[in-house]
């Protein structure tokens, strides 16, 4: 099992190649940054396609960030276990609202 130190210091590309899963979520204000981050992980870090889960939003239409924080957390918890490590990345206009919402989810 990975230790927190190993997750911090093992190169990102190696972690992605060894099964680390990433869950991305955003509201309408964070969608462009979310898409840039996903592109970076795919193209620069050469992440396998199955390591990335994008729970939305997928449009610039105004939505409530707590909905997508909860969706990202539920997805993260459903795929993370003793053998599969997963990290969640959530963003909104400031990053504060969605992160506070995510931290209220049980298990996070």
N, C-alpha and C. Protein backbone atom coordinates (compact mmCIF):
# COMPACT_ATOMS: atom_id res chain seq x y z
N UNK A 1 0.85 -1.17 0.00
CA UNK A 1 0.00 0.00 0.00
C UNK A 1 0.89 1.24 0.00
N UNK A 2 0.48 2.27 -0.73
CA UNK A 2 1.26 3.50 -0.82
C UNK A 2 1.16 4.31 0.47
N UNK A 3 2.27 4.89 0.84
CA UNK A 3 2.26 5.80 1.98
C UNK A 3 2.02 7.21 1.45
N UNK A 4 1.57 8.14 2.29
CA UNK A 4 1.40 9.52 1.83
C UNK A 4 2.69 10.09 1.25
N UNK A 5 3.84 9.74 1.85
CA UNK A 5 5.11 10.25 1.35
C UNK A 5 5.39 9.74 -0.06
N UNK A 6 5.08 8.48 -0.31
CA UNK A 6 5.31 7.92 -1.64
C UNK A 6 4.43 8.61 -2.67
N UNK A 7 3.17 8.88 -2.31
CA UNK A 7 2.29 9.58 -3.24
C UNK A 7 2.79 10.98 -3.53
N UNK A 8 3.41 11.63 -2.54
CA UNK A 8 3.90 12.98 -2.75
C UNK A 8 5.15 13.03 -3.61
N UNK A 9 6.04 12.06 -3.44
CA UNK A 9 7.33 12.16 -4.08
C UNK A 9 7.53 11.27 -5.30
N UNK A 10 6.70 10.30 -5.49
CA UNK A 10 6.81 9.48 -6.69
C UNK A 10 6.42 10.35 -7.88
N UNK A 11 7.18 10.33 -8.96
CA UNK A 11 6.85 11.19 -10.10
C UNK A 11 5.41 10.97 -10.59
N UNK A 12 4.77 12.06 -10.97
CA UNK A 12 3.36 12.02 -11.35
C UNK A 12 3.11 11.04 -12.49
N UNK A 13 3.96 11.04 -13.48
CA UNK A 13 3.75 10.14 -14.62
C UNK A 13 3.76 8.69 -14.17
N UNK A 14 4.69 8.33 -13.30
CA UNK A 14 4.77 6.96 -12.81
C UNK A 14 3.52 6.60 -12.02
N UNK A 15 3.03 7.52 -11.20
CA UNK A 15 1.82 7.24 -10.43
C UNK A 15 0.63 7.01 -11.35
N UNK A 16 0.53 7.81 -12.40
CA UNK A 16 -0.59 7.65 -13.33
C UNK A 16 -0.47 6.33 -14.09
N UNK A 17 0.73 5.95 -14.46
CA UNK A 17 0.93 4.69 -15.17
C UNK A 17 0.70 3.49 -14.26
N UNK A 18 0.83 3.69 -12.95
CA UNK A 18 0.66 2.59 -11.99
C UNK A 18 -0.71 2.55 -11.36
N UNK A 19 -1.68 3.19 -11.98
CA UNK A 19 -3.06 3.01 -11.54
C UNK A 19 -3.70 4.13 -10.74
N UNK A 20 -3.00 5.23 -10.50
CA UNK A 20 -3.62 6.35 -9.80
C UNK A 20 -4.76 6.90 -10.65
N UNK A 21 -5.91 7.11 -10.03
CA UNK A 21 -7.07 7.66 -10.72
C UNK A 21 -7.27 9.11 -10.31
N UNK A 22 -7.72 9.94 -11.24
CA UNK A 22 -8.01 11.35 -10.98
C UNK A 22 -9.47 11.64 -11.31
N UNK A 23 -10.14 12.33 -10.40
CA UNK A 23 -11.53 12.73 -10.61
C UNK A 23 -11.55 14.25 -10.65
N UNK A 24 -12.07 14.80 -11.75
CA UNK A 24 -12.16 16.25 -11.93
C UNK A 24 -13.61 16.69 -11.90
N UNK A 25 -13.86 17.83 -11.25
CA UNK A 25 -15.19 18.42 -11.23
C UNK A 25 -15.10 19.92 -11.13
N UNK A 26 -16.07 20.62 -11.71
CA UNK A 26 -16.06 22.08 -11.64
C UNK A 26 -17.47 22.62 -11.83
N UNK A 27 -17.62 23.89 -11.49
CA UNK A 27 -18.84 24.59 -11.84
C UNK A 27 -18.57 25.34 -13.15
N UNK A 28 -19.51 26.17 -13.56
CA UNK A 28 -19.39 26.88 -14.83
C UNK A 28 -18.19 27.84 -14.85
N UNK A 29 -17.82 28.40 -13.69
CA UNK A 29 -16.70 29.34 -13.64
C UNK A 29 -15.35 28.63 -13.68
N UNK A 30 -15.31 27.37 -13.36
CA UNK A 30 -14.05 26.63 -13.34
C UNK A 30 -13.86 25.69 -14.51
N UNK A 31 -14.81 25.68 -15.44
CA UNK A 31 -14.77 24.68 -16.52
C UNK A 31 -13.54 24.83 -17.42
N UNK A 32 -13.15 26.06 -17.74
CA UNK A 32 -12.00 26.24 -18.64
C UNK A 32 -10.70 25.74 -17.99
N UNK A 33 -10.51 26.07 -16.72
CA UNK A 33 -9.32 25.59 -16.00
C UNK A 33 -9.34 24.07 -15.88
N UNK A 34 -10.52 23.51 -15.58
CA UNK A 34 -10.64 22.06 -15.47
C UNK A 34 -10.24 21.40 -16.79
N UNK A 35 -10.74 21.92 -17.89
CA UNK A 35 -10.41 21.33 -19.19
C UNK A 35 -8.92 21.45 -19.51
N UNK A 36 -8.31 22.58 -19.14
CA UNK A 36 -6.86 22.74 -19.35
C UNK A 36 -6.08 21.73 -18.51
N UNK A 37 -6.51 21.53 -17.28
CA UNK A 37 -5.81 20.57 -16.42
C UNK A 37 -5.94 19.15 -16.95
N UNK A 38 -7.13 18.79 -17.42
CA UNK A 38 -7.32 17.45 -17.99
C UNK A 38 -6.45 17.28 -19.23
N UNK A 39 -6.39 18.30 -20.09
CA UNK A 39 -5.53 18.24 -21.27
C UNK A 39 -4.07 18.07 -20.88
N UNK A 40 -3.64 18.79 -19.85
CA UNK A 40 -2.25 18.68 -19.38
C UNK A 40 -1.95 17.25 -18.90
N UNK A 41 -2.85 16.70 -18.12
CA UNK A 41 -2.64 15.35 -17.60
C UNK A 41 -2.60 14.34 -18.74
N UNK A 42 -3.49 14.50 -19.71
CA UNK A 42 -3.52 13.56 -20.84
C UNK A 42 -2.32 13.72 -21.75
N UNK A 43 -2.02 14.96 -22.14
CA UNK A 43 -1.03 15.20 -23.19
C UNK A 43 0.39 15.34 -22.68
N UNK A 44 0.59 16.01 -21.56
CA UNK A 44 1.94 16.23 -21.05
C UNK A 44 2.39 15.08 -20.16
N UNK A 45 1.52 14.65 -19.27
CA UNK A 45 1.88 13.55 -18.37
C UNK A 45 1.61 12.18 -18.99
N UNK A 46 0.99 12.17 -20.17
CA UNK A 46 0.71 10.92 -20.89
C UNK A 46 -0.09 9.93 -20.05
N UNK A 47 -1.10 10.45 -19.37
CA UNK A 47 -1.93 9.60 -18.51
C UNK A 47 -2.78 8.66 -19.35
N UNK A 48 -2.93 7.42 -18.91
CA UNK A 48 -3.84 6.51 -19.60
C UNK A 48 -5.27 7.06 -19.56
N UNK A 49 -6.00 6.83 -20.60
CA UNK A 49 -7.36 7.37 -20.72
C UNK A 49 -8.25 6.96 -19.56
N UNK A 50 -8.07 5.75 -19.05
CA UNK A 50 -8.95 5.26 -17.99
C UNK A 50 -8.62 5.80 -16.60
N UNK A 51 -7.58 6.62 -16.48
CA UNK A 51 -7.25 7.14 -15.15
C UNK A 51 -7.97 8.45 -14.85
N UNK A 52 -8.63 9.04 -15.84
CA UNK A 52 -9.28 10.34 -15.67
C UNK A 52 -10.80 10.18 -15.72
N UNK A 53 -11.47 10.74 -14.71
CA UNK A 53 -12.92 10.81 -14.71
C UNK A 53 -13.32 12.27 -14.57
N UNK A 54 -14.11 12.76 -15.51
CA UNK A 54 -14.61 14.13 -15.49
C UNK A 54 -16.09 14.08 -15.18
N UNK A 55 -16.48 14.60 -14.01
CA UNK A 55 -17.89 14.55 -13.60
C UNK A 55 -18.66 15.81 -13.99
N UNK A 56 -18.02 16.72 -14.70
CA UNK A 56 -18.71 17.93 -15.17
C UNK A 56 -18.40 19.13 -14.30
N UNK A 57 -18.99 20.16 -14.64
CA UNK A 57 -19.98 20.47 -15.64
C UNK A 57 -19.33 20.51 -17.01
N UNK A 58 -20.16 20.47 -18.04
CA UNK A 58 -19.63 20.43 -19.40
C UNK A 58 -20.04 21.63 -20.23
N UNK A 59 -20.73 22.60 -19.62
CA UNK A 59 -21.14 23.82 -20.32
C UNK A 59 -20.85 25.02 -19.43
N UNK A 60 -20.94 26.21 -20.01
CA UNK A 60 -20.76 27.44 -19.25
C UNK A 60 -22.07 27.94 -18.65
N UNK A 61 -23.12 27.13 -18.76
CA UNK A 61 -24.41 27.49 -18.17
C UNK A 61 -24.28 27.51 -16.65
N UNK A 62 -24.83 28.54 -16.02
CA UNK A 62 -24.71 28.70 -14.57
C UNK A 62 -25.30 27.51 -13.82
N UNK A 63 -24.51 26.96 -12.91
CA UNK A 63 -24.95 25.83 -12.07
C UNK A 63 -24.47 26.07 -10.64
N UNK A 64 -24.90 25.24 -9.72
CA UNK A 64 -24.51 25.34 -8.32
C UNK A 64 -23.30 24.45 -8.05
N UNK A 65 -22.21 25.04 -7.59
CA UNK A 65 -20.98 24.26 -7.37
C UNK A 65 -21.13 23.13 -6.35
N UNK A 66 -21.99 23.27 -5.31
CA UNK A 66 -22.09 22.15 -4.37
C UNK A 66 -22.54 20.84 -5.03
N UNK A 67 -23.35 20.95 -6.08
CA UNK A 67 -23.80 19.74 -6.77
C UNK A 67 -22.63 18.99 -7.39
N UNK A 68 -21.69 19.73 -7.97
CA UNK A 68 -20.56 19.07 -8.63
C UNK A 68 -19.47 18.68 -7.63
N UNK A 69 -19.40 19.37 -6.51
CA UNK A 69 -18.49 18.93 -5.44
C UNK A 69 -18.95 17.57 -4.92
N UNK A 70 -20.25 17.45 -4.68
CA UNK A 70 -20.80 16.18 -4.19
C UNK A 70 -20.61 15.06 -5.21
N UNK A 71 -20.85 15.37 -6.47
CA UNK A 71 -20.70 14.37 -7.53
C UNK A 71 -19.24 13.89 -7.62
N UNK A 72 -18.31 14.82 -7.53
CA UNK A 72 -16.89 14.45 -7.58
C UNK A 72 -16.51 13.60 -6.38
N UNK A 73 -17.00 13.97 -5.20
CA UNK A 73 -16.68 13.21 -3.98
C UNK A 73 -17.26 11.80 -4.03
N UNK A 74 -18.50 11.67 -4.45
CA UNK A 74 -19.11 10.34 -4.54
C UNK A 74 -18.37 9.46 -5.54
N UNK A 75 -17.98 10.04 -6.66
CA UNK A 75 -17.23 9.29 -7.66
C UNK A 75 -15.88 8.88 -7.10
N UNK A 76 -15.19 9.80 -6.46
CA UNK A 76 -13.89 9.52 -5.86
C UNK A 76 -13.97 8.39 -4.85
N UNK A 77 -14.94 8.46 -3.97
CA UNK A 77 -15.09 7.43 -2.94
C UNK A 77 -15.48 6.08 -3.53
N UNK A 78 -16.20 6.10 -4.64
CA UNK A 78 -16.64 4.83 -5.25
C UNK A 78 -15.50 4.09 -5.95
N UNK A 79 -14.47 4.81 -6.40
CA UNK A 79 -13.38 4.14 -7.11
C UNK A 79 -12.13 3.96 -6.26
N UNK A 80 -12.07 4.61 -5.10
CA UNK A 80 -10.89 4.53 -4.25
C UNK A 80 -11.05 3.43 -3.20
N UNK A 81 -10.04 2.57 -3.11
CA UNK A 81 -10.04 1.52 -2.09
C UNK A 81 -8.60 1.19 -1.73
N UNK A 82 -8.38 0.06 -1.08
CA UNK A 82 -7.02 -0.30 -0.67
C UNK A 82 -6.09 -0.58 -1.84
N UNK A 83 -6.64 -0.96 -2.98
CA UNK A 83 -5.79 -1.28 -4.12
C UNK A 83 -5.79 -0.19 -5.19
N UNK A 84 -6.78 0.67 -5.19
CA UNK A 84 -6.87 1.75 -6.17
C UNK A 84 -6.83 3.08 -5.46
N UNK A 85 -5.83 3.87 -5.75
CA UNK A 85 -5.71 5.20 -5.17
C UNK A 85 -6.32 6.21 -6.12
N UNK A 86 -7.04 7.17 -5.56
CA UNK A 86 -7.68 8.19 -6.38
C UNK A 86 -7.54 9.54 -5.70
N UNK A 87 -7.39 10.57 -6.51
CA UNK A 87 -7.33 11.94 -6.04
C UNK A 87 -8.42 12.74 -6.74
N UNK A 88 -9.01 13.68 -6.01
CA UNK A 88 -10.03 14.54 -6.58
C UNK A 88 -9.52 15.95 -6.77
N UNK A 89 -9.91 16.56 -7.89
CA UNK A 89 -9.55 17.94 -8.20
C UNK A 89 -10.84 18.67 -8.54
N UNK A 90 -11.19 19.66 -7.71
CA UNK A 90 -12.43 20.42 -7.95
C UNK A 90 -12.10 21.90 -8.04
N UNK A 91 -12.83 22.61 -8.89
CA UNK A 91 -12.57 24.04 -9.05
C UNK A 91 -13.84 24.81 -9.38
N UNK A 92 -13.87 26.03 -8.88
CA UNK A 92 -14.95 26.97 -9.18
C UNK A 92 -14.28 28.31 -9.49
N UNK A 93 -15.01 29.39 -9.43
CA UNK A 93 -14.43 30.69 -9.74
C UNK A 93 -13.25 31.05 -8.86
N UNK A 94 -13.38 30.84 -7.57
CA UNK A 94 -12.31 31.18 -6.63
C UNK A 94 -11.58 29.94 -6.11
N UNK A 95 -12.21 28.79 -6.19
CA UNK A 95 -11.66 27.57 -5.63
C UNK A 95 -12.07 27.34 -4.19
N UNK A 96 -12.60 28.36 -3.55
CA UNK A 96 -12.96 28.25 -2.14
C UNK A 96 -14.29 27.55 -1.93
N UNK A 97 -15.31 27.99 -2.64
CA UNK A 97 -16.65 27.44 -2.43
C UNK A 97 -16.74 25.95 -2.68
N UNK A 98 -16.23 25.53 -3.81
CA UNK A 98 -16.33 24.11 -4.17
C UNK A 98 -15.45 23.26 -3.25
N UNK A 99 -14.31 23.79 -2.82
CA UNK A 99 -13.45 23.01 -1.92
C UNK A 99 -14.09 22.88 -0.54
N UNK A 100 -14.76 23.93 -0.07
CA UNK A 100 -15.46 23.82 1.22
C UNK A 100 -16.60 22.81 1.11
N UNK A 101 -17.31 22.82 -0.01
CA UNK A 101 -18.39 21.86 -0.21
C UNK A 101 -17.85 20.44 -0.26
N UNK A 102 -16.76 20.24 -0.97
CA UNK A 102 -16.17 18.90 -1.07
C UNK A 102 -15.71 18.40 0.29
N UNK A 103 -15.14 19.27 1.09
CA UNK A 103 -14.64 18.85 2.41
C UNK A 103 -15.75 18.53 3.39
N UNK A 104 -16.98 18.87 3.06
CA UNK A 104 -18.12 18.53 3.91
C UNK A 104 -18.67 17.14 3.61
N UNK A 105 -18.24 16.55 2.51
CA UNK A 105 -18.72 15.22 2.13
C UNK A 105 -18.12 14.17 3.06
N UNK A 106 -18.97 13.28 3.53
CA UNK A 106 -18.53 12.22 4.43
C UNK A 106 -17.52 11.32 3.71
N UNK A 107 -16.40 11.08 4.35
CA UNK A 107 -15.37 10.22 3.77
C UNK A 107 -14.24 10.97 3.10
N UNK A 108 -14.39 12.27 2.97
CA UNK A 108 -13.35 13.08 2.32
C UNK A 108 -12.48 13.72 3.38
